[in-house]
Amino acid sequence: MTQLDLVIRSRRTVTPEGERAAAVAVQGEKITALYDYAAPLDAAEDIDLRDLALLPGLVDTHVHVNEPGRTHWEGFDSATRAAAAGGVTTIIDMPLNSLPPTVSVAALEAKLAAARGQCHVDVGFWGGAVPGNVKELAPLHERGVYGFKCFMSPSGVAEFPPLTHGELRRALEEVAGFAGSGGLMVVHAEDPALLREPAGPTYSEFLESRPGVSERSAVQRVVELARETGARAHILHVSSADCLDVLEAAQAAGVAVTAETCPHYLTLAAEQVPEGGTAYKCCPPIRSEANRDQLWDGLARGVLSCVVSDHSPSPADLKVPDFAAAWGGIASLQLGLPAVWTEASRRGYGLGDVVRWMSANPSALADISGKGGIEPGKDADLVAFDPGADNPVDAARLHHKNPVTPYHGRVLKGAVLTTWLRGRPVDGEPHGRFLPAEGT
């Protein structure tokens, strides 16, 4: 038998079949086999994690890196360092908040040039669907984007305007015809007719300005269009449980619509938001504790399939203590795993559930075949995780470019100890790759 490059042993190896004691064999960049935990194996390096957990690298399909153009908000070096420190080995970058937004092949090339040589984890890209760029979607698809992001309400940046109902229909008709991966529309679903400007600076006034019914109405429209066009649609960052019955009925009827939620909607609640605490501001907003319970139920039923960060950082000076004026976005790329594990374990869920929501299902959504599980043939993207460790959050110690997070001062449960990308530890030297969508 040829000597293996690496063996990692853990009594808590989380595989697609469940949690088991195993020795994971790695040759080159791939997992070649799983053996019994104590199997004698010849390897250049043999690491025994004992009772620490071994997870597959997480796949975060909702990350705003913002480079080029707003690199002072977040850049590829800082974002991917944060990802690796949080056990995330693959991110897919959103098309807006960078300048130019990724709405043409030229803009994608500019983003690739900016990211080259800086990435500590593997990186893919979404394209953007905005008014007037339908003819750009096929070239972007052919260049390897994983699909297309659009808004139904204002995005917060003028260079990425929302689509009207008719424009969304036309974009869905276009992507429905794409072969292979990438024929997917991911939608920020809030109905602009049901949104309004906050009446004042408080969180309660901000929350009232973006009611759950605005999400439900927009999701109903997306479901209708997906049914009529045959396109695949994915609802981003579901914060309102009002959407769950609409999604569940559509999925039962065979409509190609999926949905995600985010760590902050599962772990935080409106009742916890302090006065002026705009680190908690995001769109759609964090809602009530009762709503949060219903989102967990939606995850358990499979109506919501993915938990991804919607990492949307900004400089601290944009987080003014006024919920009507502050930038809306939460930076949590480094903290998603311990945040979700803290709440999931309290509610009786296991590491296998968290891995399904944060690795296997996001990988399946984007059709990234080499990621999302500890099994032979997959990339050796692996995470040593101590599920019982106390993890006090100090914003200043995070790798995010701007130390702003609603988790500051909280003690989360679980800590990432080591992250391996394709068999190599992420240790400060960037060795991430660009990942084009398969079949493009």
Protein backbone atom coordinates (compact mmCIF):
# COMPACT_ATOMS: atom_id res chain seq x y z
CA MET A 1 0.00 0.00 0.00
CA THR A 2 1.35 3.43 -0.95
CA GLN A 3 2.12 5.64 2.01
CA LEU A 4 -0.69 8.08 2.68
CA ASP A 5 0.00 11.80 2.96
CA LEU A 6 -2.27 12.33 5.95
CA VAL A 7 -4.47 10.42 8.34
CA ILE A 8 -6.81 12.21 10.76
CA ARG A 9 -8.47 10.11 13.44
CA SER A 10 -11.47 11.13 15.51
CA ARG A 11 -13.95 9.26 17.65
CA ARG A 12 -16.51 11.83 16.45
CA THR A 13 -16.08 11.89 12.67
CA VAL A 14 -19.22 13.35 11.09
CA THR A 15 -19.94 11.51 7.83
CA PRO A 16 -23.02 11.55 5.57
CA GLU A 17 -24.14 8.34 7.32
CA GLY A 18 -23.77 9.82 10.79
CA GLU A 19 -21.24 10.33 13.54
CA ARG A 20 -18.69 7.52 13.99
CA ALA A 21 -15.16 6.75 15.15
CA ALA A 22 -12.98 6.74 12.05
CA ALA A 23 -9.59 7.32 10.51
CA VAL A 24 -9.82 9.55 7.44
CA ALA A 25 -7.15 8.78 4.84
CA VAL A 26 -5.92 11.57 2.55
CA GLN A 27 -3.75 11.23 -0.53
CA GLY A 28 -2.88 14.45 -2.32
CA GLU A 29 -5.94 16.70 -2.15
CA LYS A 30 -8.60 14.00 -1.79
CA ILE A 31 -10.10 11.75 0.83
CA THR A 32 -9.31 8.22 -0.34
CA ALA A 33 -10.94 6.07 2.33
CA LEU A 34 -12.43 5.88 5.82
CA TYR A 35 -11.02 3.19 8.10
CA ASP A 36 -11.70 2.03 11.62
CA TYR A 37 -10.50 4.56 14.16
CA ALA A 38 -7.57 2.43 15.39
CA ALA A 39 -6.61 0.91 12.02
CA PRO A 40 -2.82 0.73 11.53
CA LEU A 41 -2.05 2.98 8.56
CA ASP A 42 1.22 4.13 7.00
CA ALA A 43 1.08 7.92 6.62
CA ALA A 44 3.52 10.80 6.46
CA GLU A 45 1.41 12.50 9.12
CA ASP A 46 -1.02 10.82 11.52
CA ILE A 47 -3.14 13.12 13.70
CA ASP A 48 -5.34 11.78 16.49
CA LEU A 49 -8.06 14.19 17.58
CA ARG A 50 -9.39 11.64 20.09
CA ASP A 51 -12.77 12.96 21.32
CA LEU A 52 -12.65 16.19 19.33
CA ALA A 53 -15.03 16.24 16.37
CA LEU A 54 -13.90 16.03 12.75
CA LEU A 55 -16.27 17.85 10.39
CA PRO A 56 -16.25 18.48 6.66
CA GLY A 57 -15.36 22.04 5.73
CA LEU A 58 -18.41 24.26 5.70
CA VAL A 59 -19.73 25.72 2.44
CA ASP A 60 -21.04 29.28 2.73
CA THR A 61 -22.95 30.28 -0.37
CA HIS A 62 -23.85 33.78 0.86
CA VAL A 63 -20.83 36.01 1.46
CA HIS A 64 -20.32 39.68 0.53
CA VAL A 65 -16.58 40.23 0.10
CA ASN A 66 -16.92 43.74 -1.43
CA GLU A 67 -13.56 43.77 -3.27
CA PRO A 68 -12.78 45.60 -5.52
CA GLY A 69 -14.27 49.01 -4.85
CA ARG A 70 -15.27 48.72 -1.20
CA THR A 71 -12.28 46.77 0.07
CA HIS A 72 -12.25 48.93 3.19
CA TRP A 73 -15.53 47.17 4.06
CA GLU A 74 -14.17 43.66 3.44
CA GLY A 75 -11.58 42.09 1.14
CA PHE A 76 -10.66 38.61 -0.05
CA ASP A 77 -7.69 38.26 2.30
CA SER A 78 -9.58 39.20 5.46
CA ALA A 79 -12.85 37.47 4.50
CA THR A 80 -11.21 34.16 3.63
CA ARG A 81 -9.01 34.26 6.75
CA ALA A 82 -12.19 34.69 8.76
CA ALA A 83 -13.86 31.87 6.84
CA ALA A 84 -11.03 29.43 7.56
CA ALA A 85 -10.96 30.43 11.23
CA GLY A 86 -14.67 29.60 11.34
CA GLY A 87 -14.33 26.21 9.65
CA VAL A 88 -15.56 27.43 6.26
CA THR A 89 -13.49 26.08 3.36
CA THR A 90 -15.62 27.27 0.43
CA ILE A 91 -17.41 30.57 -0.07
CA ILE A 92 -19.48 31.89 -2.95
CA ASP A 93 -19.19 35.64 -3.24
CA MET A 94 -22.23 37.81 -3.83
CA PRO A 95 -22.24 40.18 -6.83
CA LEU A 96 -23.03 43.43 -5.04
CA ASN A 97 -21.26 45.88 -2.73
CA SER A 98 -18.13 45.51 -4.83
CA LEU A 99 -17.48 48.11 -7.53
CA PRO A 100 -18.20 47.21 -10.23
CA PRO A 101 -20.94 44.75 -9.26
CA THR A 102 -20.63 41.36 -10.95
CA VAL A 103 -23.24 41.98 -13.66
CA SER A 104 -21.02 41.37 -16.70
CA VAL A 105 -18.06 39.21 -17.64
CA ALA A 106 -15.80 42.27 -17.53
CA ALA A 107 -16.86 42.93 -13.95
CA LEU A 108 -16.27 39.28 -13.04
CA GLU A 109 -12.79 39.48 -14.54
CA ALA A 110 -12.10 42.56 -12.41
CA LYS A 111 -13.17 40.64 -9.31
CA LEU A 112 -11.03 37.63 -10.23
CA ALA A 113 -8.02 39.90 -10.73
CA ALA A 114 -8.58 41.53 -7.35
CA ALA A 115 -8.93 38.19 -5.55
CA ARG A 116 -6.03 36.37 -7.19
CA GLY A 117 -3.36 35.29 -4.73
CA GLN A 118 -5.33 36.42 -1.66
CA CYS A 119 -7.72 33.55 -0.96
CA HIS A 120 -7.20 31.28 2.04
CA VAL A 121 -10.20 29.10 1.09
CA ASP A 122 -11.80 28.12 -2.20
CA VAL A 123 -13.98 30.79 -3.79
CA GLY A 124 -16.80 30.77 -6.33
CA PHE A 125 -18.93 33.64 -7.59
CA TRP A 126 -22.56 34.54 -8.16
CA GLY A 127 -23.47 36.82 -11.04
CA GLY A 128 -26.00 39.61 -10.69
CA ALA A 129 -29.35 40.10 -12.44
CA VAL A 130 -30.26 43.78 -12.69
CA PRO A 131 -32.47 45.79 -15.05
CA GLY A 132 -31.08 45.71 -18.59
CA ASN A 133 -28.47 42.94 -18.26
CA VAL A 134 -30.41 39.86 -19.43
CA LYS A 135 -28.00 39.50 -22.37
CA GLU A 136 -25.10 39.34 -19.92
CA LEU A 137 -26.47 36.31 -18.05
CA ALA A 138 -25.48 33.64 -20.59
CA PRO A 139 -21.88 34.89 -20.92
CA LEU A 140 -21.57 35.01 -17.13
CA HIS A 141 -22.97 31.49 -16.90
CA GLU A 142 -20.45 30.28 -19.50
CA ARG A 143 -17.65 31.97 -17.55
CA GLY A 144 -18.52 29.88 -14.50
CA VAL A 145 -20.78 31.76 -12.07
CA TYR A 146 -22.98 29.56 -9.88
CA GLY A 147 -26.19 31.43 -10.66
CA PHE A 148 -27.58 34.92 -10.33
CA LYS A 149 -28.58 37.14 -7.43
CA CYS A 150 -31.42 39.62 -7.73
CA PHE A 151 -33.42 41.93 -5.50
CA MET A 152 -37.14 42.55 -5.55
CA SER A 153 -36.76 45.67 -3.37
CA PRO A 154 -33.98 48.29 -3.21
CA SER A 155 -30.61 46.73 -2.40
CA GLY A 156 -29.15 49.65 -0.49
CA VAL A 157 -26.59 50.45 -3.21
CA ALA A 158 -27.59 52.42 -6.30
CA GLU A 159 -25.45 50.39 -8.70
CA PHE A 160 -27.48 47.20 -8.05
CA PRO A 161 -31.16 48.12 -8.57
CA PRO A 162 -34.06 45.69 -8.08
CA LEU A 163 -35.97 43.85 -10.78
CA THR A 164 -39.63 44.54 -11.49
CA HIS A 165 -42.02 41.59 -11.71
CA GLY A 166 -41.67 41.55 -15.50
CA GLU A 167 -37.89 41.83 -15.39
CA LEU A 168 -37.68 38.96 -12.91
CA ARG A 169 -39.86 36.83 -15.18
CA ARG A 170 -37.58 37.55 -18.15
CA ALA A 171 -34.46 36.74 -16.15
CA LEU A 172 -35.97 33.47 -14.92
CA GLU A 173 -36.93 32.51 -18.47
CA GLU A 174 -33.33 33.13 -19.50
CA VAL A 175 -31.66 31.09 -16.76
CA ALA A 176 -34.18 28.25 -17.06
CA GLY A 177 -32.54 27.37 -20.37
CA PHE A 178 -28.99 27.11 -19.06
CA ALA A 179 -27.43 23.64 -19.05
CA GLY A 180 -25.46 22.25 -16.12
CA SER A 181 -24.86 24.22 -12.96
CA GLY A 182 -25.55 27.92 -12.82
CA GLY A 183 -29.16 27.94 -14.02
CA LEU A 184 -30.28 29.21 -10.64
CA MET A 185 -31.77 32.51 -9.46
CA VAL A 186 -31.17 33.44 -5.82
CA VAL A 187 -33.59 36.09 -4.65
CA HIS A 188 -33.69 38.73 -1.95
CA ALA A 189 -37.44 38.46 -1.44
CA GLU A 190 -39.15 41.45 0.15
CA ASP A 191 -42.16 43.11 -1.51
CA PRO A 192 -41.33 46.84 -1.88
CA ALA A 193 -45.02 47.76 -1.80
CA LEU A 194 -45.17 46.52 1.81
CA LEU A 195 -41.98 48.22 3.02
CA ARG A 196 -41.79 51.76 4.34
CA GLU A 197 -39.27 54.12 5.87
CA PRO A 198 -38.87 53.64 9.64
CA ALA A 199 -40.86 56.16 11.68
CA GLY A 200 -37.90 56.76 13.96
CA PRO A 201 -34.48 55.53 15.10
CA THR A 202 -35.50 52.62 17.36
CA TYR A 203 -35.34 48.94 16.58
CA SER A 204 -39.07 48.47 17.04
CA GLU A 205 -39.72 51.17 14.43
CA PHE A 206 -37.24 49.56 12.04
CA LEU A 207 -38.82 46.14 12.54
CA GLU A 208 -42.30 47.54 11.89
CA SER A 209 -41.06 49.05 8.63
CA ARG A 210 -40.15 45.60 7.23
CA PRO A 211 -43.01 43.29 8.27
CA GLY A 212 -42.99 39.55 7.77
CA VAL A 213 -45.83 39.84 5.28
CA SER A 214 -43.44 41.63 2.89
CA GLU A 215 -41.32 38.48 2.73
CA ARG A 216 -44.34 36.22 2.36
CA SER A 217 -45.75 38.29 -0.51
CA ALA A 218 -42.45 38.32 -2.36
CA VAL A 219 -41.94 34.57 -1.87
CA GLN A 220 -45.42 33.94 -3.29
CA ARG A 221 -44.44 35.89 -6.41
CA VAL A 222 -41.17 33.97 -6.83
CA VAL A 223 -42.97 30.65 -6.43
CA GLU A 224 -45.52 31.68 -9.05
CA LEU A 225 -42.81 32.68 -11.52
CA ALA A 226 -40.72 29.57 -10.87
CA ARG A 227 -43.78 27.42 -11.54
CA GLU A 228 -44.57 29.27 -14.76
CA THR A 229 -41.02 29.42 -16.15
CA GLY A 230 -39.62 26.11 -14.89
CA ALA A 231 -36.58 27.93 -13.48
CA ARG A 232 -34.80 26.98 -10.27
CA ALA A 233 -35.20 29.64 -7.60
CA HIS A 234 -33.69 29.93 -4.15
CA ILE A 235 -34.96 32.30 -1.47
CA LEU A 236 -32.16 34.02 0.40
CA HIS A 237 -32.00 34.78 4.15
CA VAL A 238 -35.54 33.89 5.19
CA SER A 239 -36.19 35.76 8.43
CA SER A 240 -39.98 35.47 8.65
CA ALA A 241 -41.76 32.24 9.51
CA ASP A 242 -44.71 33.65 7.53
CA CYS A 243 -42.93 32.25 4.44
CA LEU A 244 -42.74 28.64 5.58
CA ASP A 245 -46.18 27.40 4.54
CA VAL A 246 -45.82 28.99 1.09
CA LEU A 247 -42.44 27.32 0.58
CA GLU A 248 -43.60 23.97 1.93
CA ALA A 249 -46.63 23.88 -0.37
CA ALA A 250 -44.53 24.83 -3.39
CA GLN A 251 -41.92 22.16 -2.63
CA ALA A 252 -44.64 19.53 -2.15
CA ALA A 253 -46.09 20.50 -5.53
CA GLY A 254 -42.73 19.98 -7.23
CA VAL A 255 -41.84 23.63 -7.84
CA ALA A 256 -38.05 24.01 -8.00
CA VAL A 257 -37.75 26.42 -5.08
CA THR A 258 -35.46 26.11 -2.07
CA ALA A 259 -34.69 28.44 0.81
CA GLU A 260 -32.07 29.29 3.39
CA THR A 261 -31.84 31.10 6.68
CA CYS A 262 -28.90 32.57 8.59
CA PRO A 263 -27.21 32.15 11.97
CA HIS A 264 -28.45 35.51 13.26
CA TYR A 265 -32.09 34.60 12.63
CA LEU A 266 -31.63 31.32 14.49
CA THR A 267 -29.62 32.61 17.45
CA LEU A 268 -30.68 36.21 18.05
CA ALA A 269 -34.11 37.77 18.65
CA ALA A 270 -35.71 41.20 18.51
CA GLU A 271 -36.23 41.12 22.28
CA GLN A 272 -32.43 41.06 22.73
CA VAL A 273 -31.55 44.04 20.54
CA PRO A 274 -30.21 46.88 22.73
CA GLU A 275 -31.09 50.51 22.17
CA GLY A 276 -28.78 51.88 19.48
CA GLY A 277 -27.29 48.41 18.89
CA THR A 278 -27.13 48.66 15.11
CA ALA A 279 -24.63 45.78 14.89
CA TYR A 280 -27.91 43.80 14.93
CA LYS A 281 -29.37 45.59 11.90
CA CYS A 282 -29.89 43.57 8.74
CA CYS A 283 -32.49 43.27 6.00
CA PRO A 284 -34.76 41.42 6.37
CA PRO A 285 -34.62 42.01 10.12
CA ILE A 286 -34.12 39.79 13.14
CA ARG A 287 -37.63 39.02 14.42
CA SER A 288 -39.21 37.73 17.64
CA GLU A 289 -38.25 34.76 19.78
CA ALA A 290 -41.48 33.01 18.75
CA ASN A 291 -40.63 33.55 15.09
CA ARG A 292 -37.14 32.13 15.74
CA ASP A 293 -38.68 28.95 17.16
CA GLN A 294 -40.71 28.54 13.98
CA LEU A 295 -37.60 28.93 11.81
CA TRP A 296 -35.97 26.07 13.71
CA ASP A 297 -39.07 24.01 13.01
CA GLY A 298 -38.77 24.90 9.32
CA LEU A 299 -35.20 23.63 9.34
CA ALA A 300 -36.20 20.41 11.06
CA ARG A 301 -38.90 19.80 8.43
CA GLY A 302 -36.51 20.53 5.56
CA VAL A 303 -38.47 23.53 4.29
CA LEU A 304 -35.35 25.59 4.93
CA SER A 305 -32.39 23.55 3.71
CA CYS A 306 -29.32 25.74 4.25
CA VAL A 307 -27.84 27.90 7.00
CA VAL A 308 -25.37 30.41 5.55
CA SER A 309 -23.92 33.62 6.89
CA ASP A 310 -25.06 36.49 4.66
CA HIS A 311 -21.76 38.00 5.82
CA SER A 312 -22.32 41.67 4.98
CA PRO A 313 -19.79 43.81 6.82
CA SER A 314 -19.24 47.55 6.79
CA PRO A 315 -16.95 50.05 8.51
CA ALA A 316 -17.95 50.90 12.06
CA ASP A 317 -18.78 54.49 11.13
CA LEU A 318 -21.70 53.24 8.99
CA LYS A 319 -23.21 51.53 12.02
CA VAL A 320 -24.47 54.77 13.56
CA PRO A 321 -26.77 54.28 16.60
CA ASP A 322 -29.91 54.97 14.55
CA PHE A 323 -31.72 52.02 13.01
CA ALA A 324 -33.24 54.20 10.30
CA ALA A 325 -29.83 55.43 9.12
CA ALA A 326 -27.31 52.66 9.88
CA TRP A 327 -26.00 50.24 7.26
CA GLY A 328 -27.91 46.96 7.32
CA GLY A 329 -25.65 43.94 7.44
CA ILE A 330 -24.20 41.46 9.93
CA ALA A 331 -20.61 40.19 9.86
CA SER A 332 -20.55 36.59 11.11
CA LEU A 333 -18.47 34.52 8.69
CA GLN A 334 -16.04 33.45 11.43
CA LEU A 335 -18.77 32.82 14.00
CA GLY A 336 -21.51 30.97 12.14
CA LEU A 337 -20.51 27.46 13.22
CA PRO A 338 -20.23 28.11 16.97
CA ALA A 339 -23.28 30.38 16.92
CA VAL A 340 -25.47 27.76 15.26
CA TRP A 341 -24.01 24.93 17.33
CA THR A 342 -24.71 26.85 20.54
CA GLU A 343 -28.42 27.05 19.78
CA ALA A 344 -28.72 23.74 17.91
CA SER A 345 -27.20 21.72 20.76
CA ARG A 346 -29.46 23.49 23.26
CA ARG A 347 -32.45 22.40 21.19
CA GLY A 348 -31.33 18.78 20.95
CA TYR A 349 -29.82 18.74 17.47
CA GLY A 350 -26.50 17.03 16.72
CA LEU A 351 -23.37 17.86 14.79
CA GLY A 352 -24.72 15.84 11.87
CA ASP A 353 -27.68 18.23 11.59
CA VAL A 354 -25.40 21.27 11.63
CA VAL A 355 -23.13 19.72 8.98
CA ARG A 356 -26.15 18.99 6.78
CA TRP A 357 -27.41 22.57 7.02
CA MET A 358 -24.02 24.30 6.72
CA SER A 359 -21.97 22.01 4.46
CA ALA A 360 -23.81 19.24 2.59
CA ASN A 361 -26.93 21.19 1.61
CA PRO A 362 -25.19 24.43 0.53
CA SER A 363 -22.80 22.30 -1.53
CA ALA A 364 -25.77 20.54 -3.14
CA LEU A 365 -27.52 23.86 -3.79
CA ALA A 366 -24.58 25.11 -5.82
CA ASP A 367 -23.79 21.63 -7.19
CA ILE A 368 -20.19 21.60 -5.94
CA SER A 369 -19.56 17.87 -6.14
CA GLY A 370 -16.15 17.83 -4.43
CA LYS A 371 -17.33 19.53 -1.26
CA GLY A 372 -19.76 19.04 1.59
CA GLY A 373 -18.90 15.68 3.13
CA ILE A 374 -16.30 13.34 4.58
CA GLU A 375 -16.34 10.52 2.05
CA PRO A 376 -13.96 9.02 -0.52
CA GLY A 377 -13.44 11.16 -3.60
CA LYS A 378 -14.30 14.46 -1.89
CA ASP A 379 -11.75 17.19 -1.34
CA ALA A 380 -9.95 16.79 1.97
CA ASP A 381 -11.59 19.92 3.41
CA LEU A 382 -11.71 19.11 7.11
CA VAL A 383 -12.26 20.87 10.42
CA ALA A 384 -11.14 19.91 13.92
CA PHE A 385 -13.90 21.20 16.19
CA ASP A 386 -14.20 21.13 19.97
CA PRO A 387 -17.98 21.06 20.49
CA GLY A 388 -17.76 21.55 24.24
CA ALA A 389 -15.38 24.50 24.38
CA ASP A 390 -16.48 27.88 25.67
CA ASN A 391 -15.84 30.46 22.96
CA PRO A 392 -15.99 34.06 24.26
CA VAL A 393 -16.36 36.49 21.38
CA ASP A 394 -14.07 39.51 21.27
CA ALA A 395 -14.79 41.48 18.10
CA ALA A 396 -11.26 42.88 18.04
CA ARG A 397 -9.81 39.37 17.71
CA LEU A 398 -11.87 38.41 14.65
CA HIS A 399 -10.32 38.31 11.19
CA HIS A 400 -13.15 40.34 9.64
CA LYS A 401 -11.78 43.63 8.38
CA ASN A 402 -14.09 45.66 10.62
CA PRO A 403 -14.61 44.51 14.23
CA VAL A 404 -18.38 44.94 14.36
CA THR A 405 -20.57 42.01 15.42
CA PRO A 406 -23.71 41.52 17.52
CA TYR A 407 -21.99 38.50 19.10
CA HIS A 408 -19.38 40.64 20.86
CA GLY A 409 -19.27 39.74 24.55
CA ARG A 410 -21.29 36.56 24.14
CA VAL A 411 -19.87 33.17 25.08
CA LEU A 412 -20.62 30.73 22.28
CA LYS A 413 -20.26 26.96 22.43
CA GLY A 414 -17.69 25.20 20.26
CA ALA A 415 -14.35 26.23 18.81
CA VAL A 416 -12.58 25.55 15.52
CA LEU A 417 -9.06 24.31 16.25
CA THR A 418 -7.66 23.51 12.77
CA THR A 419 -8.99 23.83 9.24
CA TRP A 420 -7.55 21.82 6.34
CA LEU A 421 -8.15 22.85 2.72
CA ARG A 422 -7.60 20.00 0.27
CA GLY A 423 -5.37 18.23 2.79
CA ARG A 424 -3.27 21.23 3.81
CA PRO A 425 -3.77 23.21 7.01
CA VAL A 426 -4.82 26.81 6.46
CA ASP A 427 -1.82 28.43 8.11
CA GLY A 428 -1.43 31.92 6.68
CA GLU A 429 -0.21 31.17 3.16
CA PRO A 430 -3.11 31.57 0.73
CA HIS A 431 -3.76 28.40 -1.25
CA GLY A 432 -7.42 28.77 -2.07
CA ARG A 433 -8.62 28.33 -5.65
CA PHE A 434 -11.34 29.80 -7.82
CA LEU A 435 -14.15 27.31 -8.36
CA PRO A 436 -16.15 27.62 -11.59
CA ALA A 437 -19.61 26.09 -11.63
CA GLU A 438 -19.59 22.54 -12.95
CA GLY A 439 -20.65 22.02 -16.54
CA THR A 440 -19.70 25.58 -17.55
